[in-house]
């Protein structure tokens, strides 16, 4: 396992996005050279909305698309390279990427644009369950997959160490109540 942590890379000049795209281009090149056939590889990308569907302005050549992971999602399964993305903002993921995903684990979504984007990427038969995404409780998720006859609602066991994922209201309550 190789973990690449970009938390110390600044946001200035789109350095993070460019770096992730360079990594993706290298993976794409290796996949096309059949480097993953014998040992299939899965790339996990957290906060994918920060890296996908991005364009940069270049004063010499105009718009430059940072599309390496979109291409990986579209064409690299046959080469043994797979991508698993996590995002809180599906509306920012290219539909071409979403349409290549076979399994979705969807937690509560309340933004209509996010819900519509997921509905558009899932099969027609699964859309009735997706209509209730805003009503999911904490820790609940819908699993929708081409390998399942219908979507399944699951309750995910809470981790032993509570994540720091409070809402702004919960955070403000904690600071007000603790002085």
C-alpha atoms as a PDB file:
ATOM      1  CA  UNK A   1       0.000   0.000   0.000  1.00  0.00           C
ATOM      2  CA  UNK A   2       1.216   3.459  -0.873  1.00  0.00           C
ATOM      3  CA  UNK A   3      -0.416   6.434   0.823  1.00  0.00           C
ATOM      4  CA  UNK A   4       0.116   9.873  -0.681  1.00  0.00           C
ATOM      5  CA  UNK A   5      -0.914  12.587   1.748  1.00  0.00           C
ATOM      6  CA  UNK A   6      -1.285  16.040   0.206  1.00  0.00           C
ATOM      7  CA  UNK A   7      -2.351  17.817   3.383  1.00  0.00           C
ATOM      8  CA  UNK A   8       0.914  19.797   3.492  1.00  0.00           C
ATOM      9  CA  UNK A   9       0.761  20.837  -0.176  1.00  0.00           C
ATOM     10  CA  UNK A  10      -0.583  24.357  -0.507  1.00  0.00           C
ATOM     11  CA  UNK A  11      -3.648  25.398  -2.471  1.00  0.00           C
ATOM     12  CA  UNK A  12      -1.807  28.201  -4.286  1.00  0.00           C
ATOM     13  CA  UNK A  13      -1.457  27.969  -8.060  1.00  0.00           C
ATOM     14  CA  UNK A  14      -3.486  24.711  -8.237  1.00  0.00           C
ATOM     15  CA  UNK A  15      -0.424  22.748  -7.122  1.00  0.00           C
ATOM     16  CA  UNK A  16      -2.513  19.970  -5.508  1.00  0.00           C
ATOM     17  CA  UNK A  17      -4.677  19.483  -8.591  1.00  0.00           C
ATOM     18  CA  UNK A  18      -1.678  19.480 -10.916  1.00  0.00           C
ATOM     19  CA  UNK A  19       0.226  17.027  -8.709  1.00  0.00           C
ATOM     20  CA  UNK A  20      -2.718  14.606  -8.543  1.00  0.00           C
ATOM     21  CA  UNK A  21      -3.151  14.835 -12.314  1.00  0.00           C
ATOM     22  CA  UNK A  22       0.553  14.080 -12.846  1.00  0.00           C
ATOM     23  CA  UNK A  23       0.215  10.989 -10.646  1.00  0.00           C
ATOM     24  CA  UNK A  24      -2.883   9.993 -12.608  1.00  0.00           C
ATOM     25  CA  UNK A  25      -1.117  10.458 -15.951  1.00  0.00           C
ATOM     26  CA  UNK A  26       1.724   8.214 -14.776  1.00  0.00           C
ATOM     27  CA  UNK A  27      -0.747   5.551 -13.617  1.00  0.00           C
ATOM     28  CA  UNK A  28      -2.589   5.844 -16.940  1.00  0.00           C
ATOM     29  CA  UNK A  29       0.662   5.419 -18.880  1.00  0.00           C
ATOM     30  CA  UNK A  30       1.589   2.333 -16.838  1.00  0.00           C
ATOM     31  CA  UNK A  31      -1.902   0.869 -17.224  1.00  0.00           C
ATOM     32  CA  UNK A  32      -1.787   1.258 -20.998  1.00  0.00           C
ATOM     33  CA  UNK A  33       1.583  -0.550 -20.903  1.00  0.00           C
ATOM     34  CA  UNK A  34      -0.163  -3.457 -19.074  1.00  0.00           C
ATOM     35  CA  UNK A  35       1.803  -2.976 -15.838  1.00  0.00           C
ATOM     36  CA  UNK A  36      -1.268  -3.793 -13.706  1.00  0.00           C
ATOM     37  CA  UNK A  37      -2.499  -6.910 -15.555  1.00  0.00           C
ATOM     38  CA  UNK A  38      -0.751  -9.355 -13.211  1.00  0.00           C
ATOM     39  CA  UNK A  39      -1.335  -7.302 -10.065  1.00  0.00           C
ATOM     40  CA  UNK A  40      -4.573  -5.317 -10.375  1.00  0.00           C
ATOM     41  CA  UNK A  41      -4.410  -2.043  -8.493  1.00  0.00           C
ATOM     42  CA  UNK A  42      -7.065   0.125  -6.881  1.00  0.00           C
ATOM     43  CA  UNK A  43      -6.448   3.842  -6.381  1.00  0.00           C
ATOM     44  CA  UNK A  44      -8.517   5.428  -3.609  1.00  0.00           C
ATOM     45  CA  UNK A  45      -9.105   9.156  -3.926  1.00  0.00           C
ATOM     46  CA  UNK A  46     -10.597  11.047  -1.004  1.00  0.00           C
ATOM     47  CA  UNK A  47     -12.113  14.508  -1.503  1.00  0.00           C
ATOM     48  CA  UNK A  48     -12.336  13.683  -5.220  1.00  0.00           C
ATOM     49  CA  UNK A  49     -14.324  16.852  -5.951  1.00  0.00           C
ATOM     50  CA  UNK A  50     -11.096  18.802  -5.372  1.00  0.00           C
ATOM     51  CA  UNK A  51      -9.282  16.972  -8.169  1.00  0.00           C
ATOM     52  CA  UNK A  52     -11.794  15.907 -10.806  1.00  0.00           C
ATOM     53  CA  UNK A  53     -13.530  18.069 -13.410  1.00  0.00           C
ATOM     54  CA  UNK A  54     -10.818  20.727 -13.216  1.00  0.00           C
ATOM     55  CA  UNK A  55      -9.533  23.041 -15.927  1.00  0.00           C
ATOM     56  CA  UNK A  56      -6.654  25.451 -15.697  1.00  0.00           C
ATOM     57  CA  UNK A  57      -6.042  28.573 -17.736  1.00  0.00           C
ATOM     58  CA  UNK A  58      -2.754  28.493 -19.585  1.00  0.00           C
ATOM     59  CA  UNK A  59      -1.682  31.717 -21.241  1.00  0.00           C
ATOM     60  CA  UNK A  60      -0.016  29.764 -24.073  1.00  0.00           C
ATOM     61  CA  UNK A  61      -2.516  27.035 -24.916  1.00  0.00           C
ATOM     62  CA  UNK A  62      -5.797  28.164 -23.303  1.00  0.00           C
ATOM     63  CA  UNK A  63      -7.746  25.741 -21.129  1.00  0.00           C
ATOM     64  CA  UNK A  64      -5.890  22.674 -19.889  1.00  0.00           C
ATOM     65  CA  UNK A  65      -8.049  19.819 -18.612  1.00  0.00           C
ATOM     66  CA  UNK A  66      -6.815  17.862 -15.604  1.00  0.00           C
ATOM     67  CA  UNK A  67      -8.568  14.684 -16.697  1.00  0.00           C
ATOM     68  CA  UNK A  68      -6.224  11.788 -15.879  1.00  0.00           C
ATOM     69  CA  UNK A  69      -8.545  10.171 -13.348  1.00  0.00           C
ATOM     70  CA  UNK A  70     -11.558  10.648 -15.597  1.00  0.00           C
ATOM     71  CA  UNK A  71      -9.665   8.669 -18.265  1.00  0.00           C
ATOM     72  CA  UNK A  72      -8.648   6.039 -15.713  1.00  0.00           C
ATOM     73  CA  UNK A  73     -12.300   5.565 -14.697  1.00  0.00           C
ATOM     74  CA  UNK A  74     -13.380   5.282 -18.335  1.00  0.00           C
ATOM     75  CA  UNK A  75     -10.754   2.977 -19.792  1.00  0.00           C
ATOM     76  CA  UNK A  76      -8.436   1.325 -17.289  1.00  0.00           C
ATOM     77  CA  UNK A  77     -10.523  -1.545 -15.893  1.00  0.00           C
ATOM     78  CA  UNK A  78      -9.408  -3.662 -18.845  1.00  0.00           C
ATOM     79  CA  UNK A  79      -5.800  -2.961 -17.844  1.00  0.00           C
ATOM     80  CA  UNK A  80      -6.273  -3.878 -14.162  1.00  0.00           C
ATOM     81  CA  UNK A  81      -6.342  -0.321 -12.795  1.00  0.00           C
ATOM     82  CA  UNK A  82      -9.402   0.735 -10.827  1.00  0.00           C
ATOM     83  CA  UNK A  83     -10.400   3.926  -9.060  1.00  0.00           C
ATOM     84  CA  UNK A  84     -12.518   4.337  -5.941  1.00  0.00           C
ATOM     85  CA  UNK A  85     -13.565   7.893  -5.207  1.00  0.00           C
ATOM     86  CA  UNK A  86     -14.998   9.500  -2.089  1.00  0.00           C
ATOM     87  CA  UNK A  87     -16.635  12.902  -2.170  1.00  0.00           C
ATOM     88  CA  UNK A  88     -19.138  14.993  -0.277  1.00  0.00           C
ATOM     89  CA  UNK A  89     -20.000  16.869  -3.466  1.00  0.00           C
ATOM     90  CA  UNK A  90     -21.042  14.495  -6.266  1.00  0.00           C
ATOM     91  CA  UNK A  91     -22.242  17.491  -8.294  1.00  0.00           C
ATOM     92  CA  UNK A  92     -18.580  18.330  -8.940  1.00  0.00           C
ATOM     93  CA  UNK A  93     -17.673  14.897 -10.336  1.00  0.00           C
ATOM     94  CA  UNK A  94     -17.822  14.570 -14.151  1.00  0.00           C
ATOM     95  CA  UNK A  95     -20.806  12.513 -15.311  1.00  0.00           C
ATOM     96  CA  UNK A  96     -18.425  10.490 -17.489  1.00  0.00           C
ATOM     97  CA  UNK A  97     -16.610   9.372 -14.344  1.00  0.00           C
ATOM     98  CA  UNK A  98     -19.794   8.706 -12.364  1.00  0.00           C
ATOM     99  CA  UNK A  99     -21.281   6.651 -15.201  1.00  0.00           C
ATOM    100  CA  UNK A 100     -18.330   4.247 -14.988  1.00  0.00           C
ATOM    101  CA  UNK A 101     -18.831   3.515 -11.301  1.00  0.00           C
ATOM    102  CA  UNK A 102     -20.498   0.186 -10.622  1.00  0.00           C
ATOM    103  CA  UNK A 103     -21.095   0.531  -6.889  1.00  0.00           C
ATOM    104  CA  UNK A 104     -22.132   3.563  -4.877  1.00  0.00           C
ATOM    105  CA  UNK A 105     -22.153   3.878  -1.099  1.00  0.00           C
ATOM    106  CA  UNK A 106     -24.253   6.974  -0.557  1.00  0.00           C
ATOM    107  CA  UNK A 107     -24.686   8.683   2.781  1.00  0.00           C
ATOM    108  CA  UNK A 108     -27.204  11.426   3.457  1.00  0.00           C
ATOM    109  CA  UNK A 109     -27.374  14.004   0.687  1.00  0.00           C
ATOM    110  CA  UNK A 110     -29.552  17.056   1.052  1.00  0.00           C
ATOM    111  CA  UNK A 111     -28.411  19.197  -1.869  1.00  0.00           C
ATOM    112  CA  UNK A 112     -30.708  18.685  -4.883  1.00  0.00           C
ATOM    113  CA  UNK A 113     -27.788  19.009  -7.321  1.00  0.00           C
ATOM    114  CA  UNK A 114     -25.916  16.194  -5.542  1.00  0.00           C
ATOM    115  CA  UNK A 115     -28.987  13.966  -5.432  1.00  0.00           C
ATOM    116  CA  UNK A 116     -29.769  14.582  -9.112  1.00  0.00           C
ATOM    117  CA  UNK A 117     -26.181  13.791 -10.120  1.00  0.00           C
ATOM    118  CA  UNK A 118     -26.283  10.444  -8.258  1.00  0.00           C
ATOM    119  CA  UNK A 119     -29.725   9.617  -9.638  1.00  0.00           C
ATOM    120  CA  UNK A 120     -28.423  10.288 -13.138  1.00  0.00           C
ATOM    121  CA  UNK A 121     -25.538   7.870 -12.634  1.00  0.00           C
ATOM    122  CA  UNK A 122     -27.593   5.033 -11.108  1.00  0.00           C
ATOM    123  CA  UNK A 123     -29.978   2.739 -12.901  1.00  0.00           C
ATOM    124  CA  UNK A 124     -33.626   3.688 -13.264  1.00  0.00           C
ATOM    125  CA  UNK A 125     -34.710   0.833 -10.988  1.00  0.00           C
ATOM    126  CA  UNK A 126     -32.645   2.232  -8.081  1.00  0.00           C
ATOM    127  CA  UNK A 127     -33.990   5.770  -8.202  1.00  0.00           C
ATOM    128  CA  UNK A 128     -36.932   5.132  -5.880  1.00  0.00           C
ATOM    129  CA  UNK A 129     -34.584   4.460  -2.955  1.00  0.00           C
ATOM    130  CA  UNK A 130     -32.412   7.432  -3.846  1.00  0.00           C
ATOM    131  CA  UNK A 131     -35.406   9.734  -3.406  1.00  0.00           C
ATOM    132  CA  UNK A 132     -35.010   9.268   0.370  1.00  0.00           C
ATOM    133  CA  UNK A 133     -31.317  10.209   0.650  1.00  0.00           C
ATOM    134  CA  UNK A 134     -32.068  13.363   2.648  1.00  0.00           C
ATOM    135  CA  UNK A 135     -33.838  11.244   5.277  1.00  0.00           C
ATOM    136  CA  UNK A 136     -30.918   8.954   6.106  1.00  0.00           C
ATOM    137  CA  UNK A 137     -29.707   9.079   9.713  1.00  0.00           C
ATOM    138  CA  UNK A 138     -26.131   9.427  10.854  1.00  0.00           C
ATOM    139  CA  UNK A 139     -24.244   6.270   9.935  1.00  0.00           C
ATOM    140  CA  UNK A 140     -26.836   5.067   7.427  1.00  0.00           C
ATOM    141  CA  UNK A 141     -26.024   4.599   3.770  1.00  0.00           C
ATOM    142  CA  UNK A 142     -27.570   3.248   0.592  1.00  0.00           C
ATOM    143  CA  UNK A 143     -25.534   0.732  -1.372  1.00  0.00           C
ATOM    144  CA  UNK A 144     -26.480   0.749  -5.026  1.00  0.00           C
ATOM    145  CA  UNK A 145     -24.616  -1.605  -7.342  1.00  0.00           C
ATOM    146  CA  UNK A 146     -24.840  -3.240 -10.720  1.00  0.00           C
ATOM    147  CA  UNK A 147     -24.173  -6.447  -8.763  1.00  0.00           C
ATOM    148  CA  UNK A 148     -27.229  -6.098  -6.517  1.00  0.00           C
ATOM    149  CA  UNK A 149     -30.813  -6.690  -7.652  1.00  0.00           C
ATOM    150  CA  UNK A 150     -31.958  -3.622  -5.678  1.00  0.00           C
ATOM    151  CA  UNK A 151     -30.404  -0.962  -3.407  1.00  0.00           C
ATOM    152  CA  UNK A 152     -29.745  -1.855   0.209  1.00  0.00           C
ATOM    153  CA  UNK A 153     -29.923   0.507   3.166  1.00  0.00           C
ATOM    154  CA  UNK A 154     -27.243  -0.270   5.762  1.00  0.00           C
ATOM    155  CA  UNK A 155     -26.262   1.049   9.172  1.00  0.00           C
ATOM    156  CA  UNK A 156     -22.513   1.455   9.479  1.00  0.00           C
ATOM    157  CA  UNK A 157     -21.044   0.661  12.872  1.00  0.00           C
ATOM    158  CA  UNK A 158     -19.583   3.703  14.582  1.00  0.00           C
ATOM    159  CA  UNK A 159     -15.791   3.648  14.883  1.00  0.00           C
ATOM    160  CA  UNK A 160     -14.172   3.221  18.300  1.00  0.00           C
ATOM    161  CA  UNK A 161     -12.524   6.613  17.920  1.00  0.00           C
ATOM    162  CA  UNK A 162     -15.147   9.227  17.177  1.00  0.00           C
ATOM    163  CA  UNK A 163     -14.238  11.207  14.038  1.00  0.00           C
ATOM    164  CA  UNK A 164     -14.127  14.994  14.170  1.00  0.00           C
ATOM    165  CA  UNK A 165     -17.076  15.477  11.830  1.00  0.00           C
ATOM    166  CA  UNK A 166     -19.461  17.643  13.789  1.00  0.00           C
ATOM    167  CA  UNK A 167     -21.651  20.128  12.019  1.00  0.00           C
ATOM    168  CA  UNK A 168     -20.896  23.837  12.557  1.00  0.00           C
ATOM    169  CA  UNK A 169     -23.792  23.978  15.052  1.00  0.00           C
ATOM    170  CA  UNK A 170     -22.415  21.025  17.052  1.00  0.00           C
ATOM    171  CA  UNK A 171     -18.948  22.610  17.040  1.00  0.00           C
ATOM    172  CA  UNK A 172     -20.249  25.960  18.263  1.00  0.00           C
ATOM    173  CA  UNK A 173     -22.263  24.201  21.017  1.00  0.00           C
ATOM    174  CA  UNK A 174     -19.128  22.360  22.150  1.00  0.00           C
ATOM    175  CA  UNK A 175     -17.085  25.576  22.366  1.00  0.00           C
ATOM    176  CA  UNK A 176     -19.875  27.546  24.069  1.00  0.00           C
ATOM    177  CA  UNK A 177     -20.541  24.781  26.624  1.00  0.00           C
ATOM    178  CA  UNK A 178     -16.839  24.238  27.364  1.00  0.00           C
ATOM    179  CA  UNK A 179     -16.081  27.912  27.887  1.00  0.00           C
END
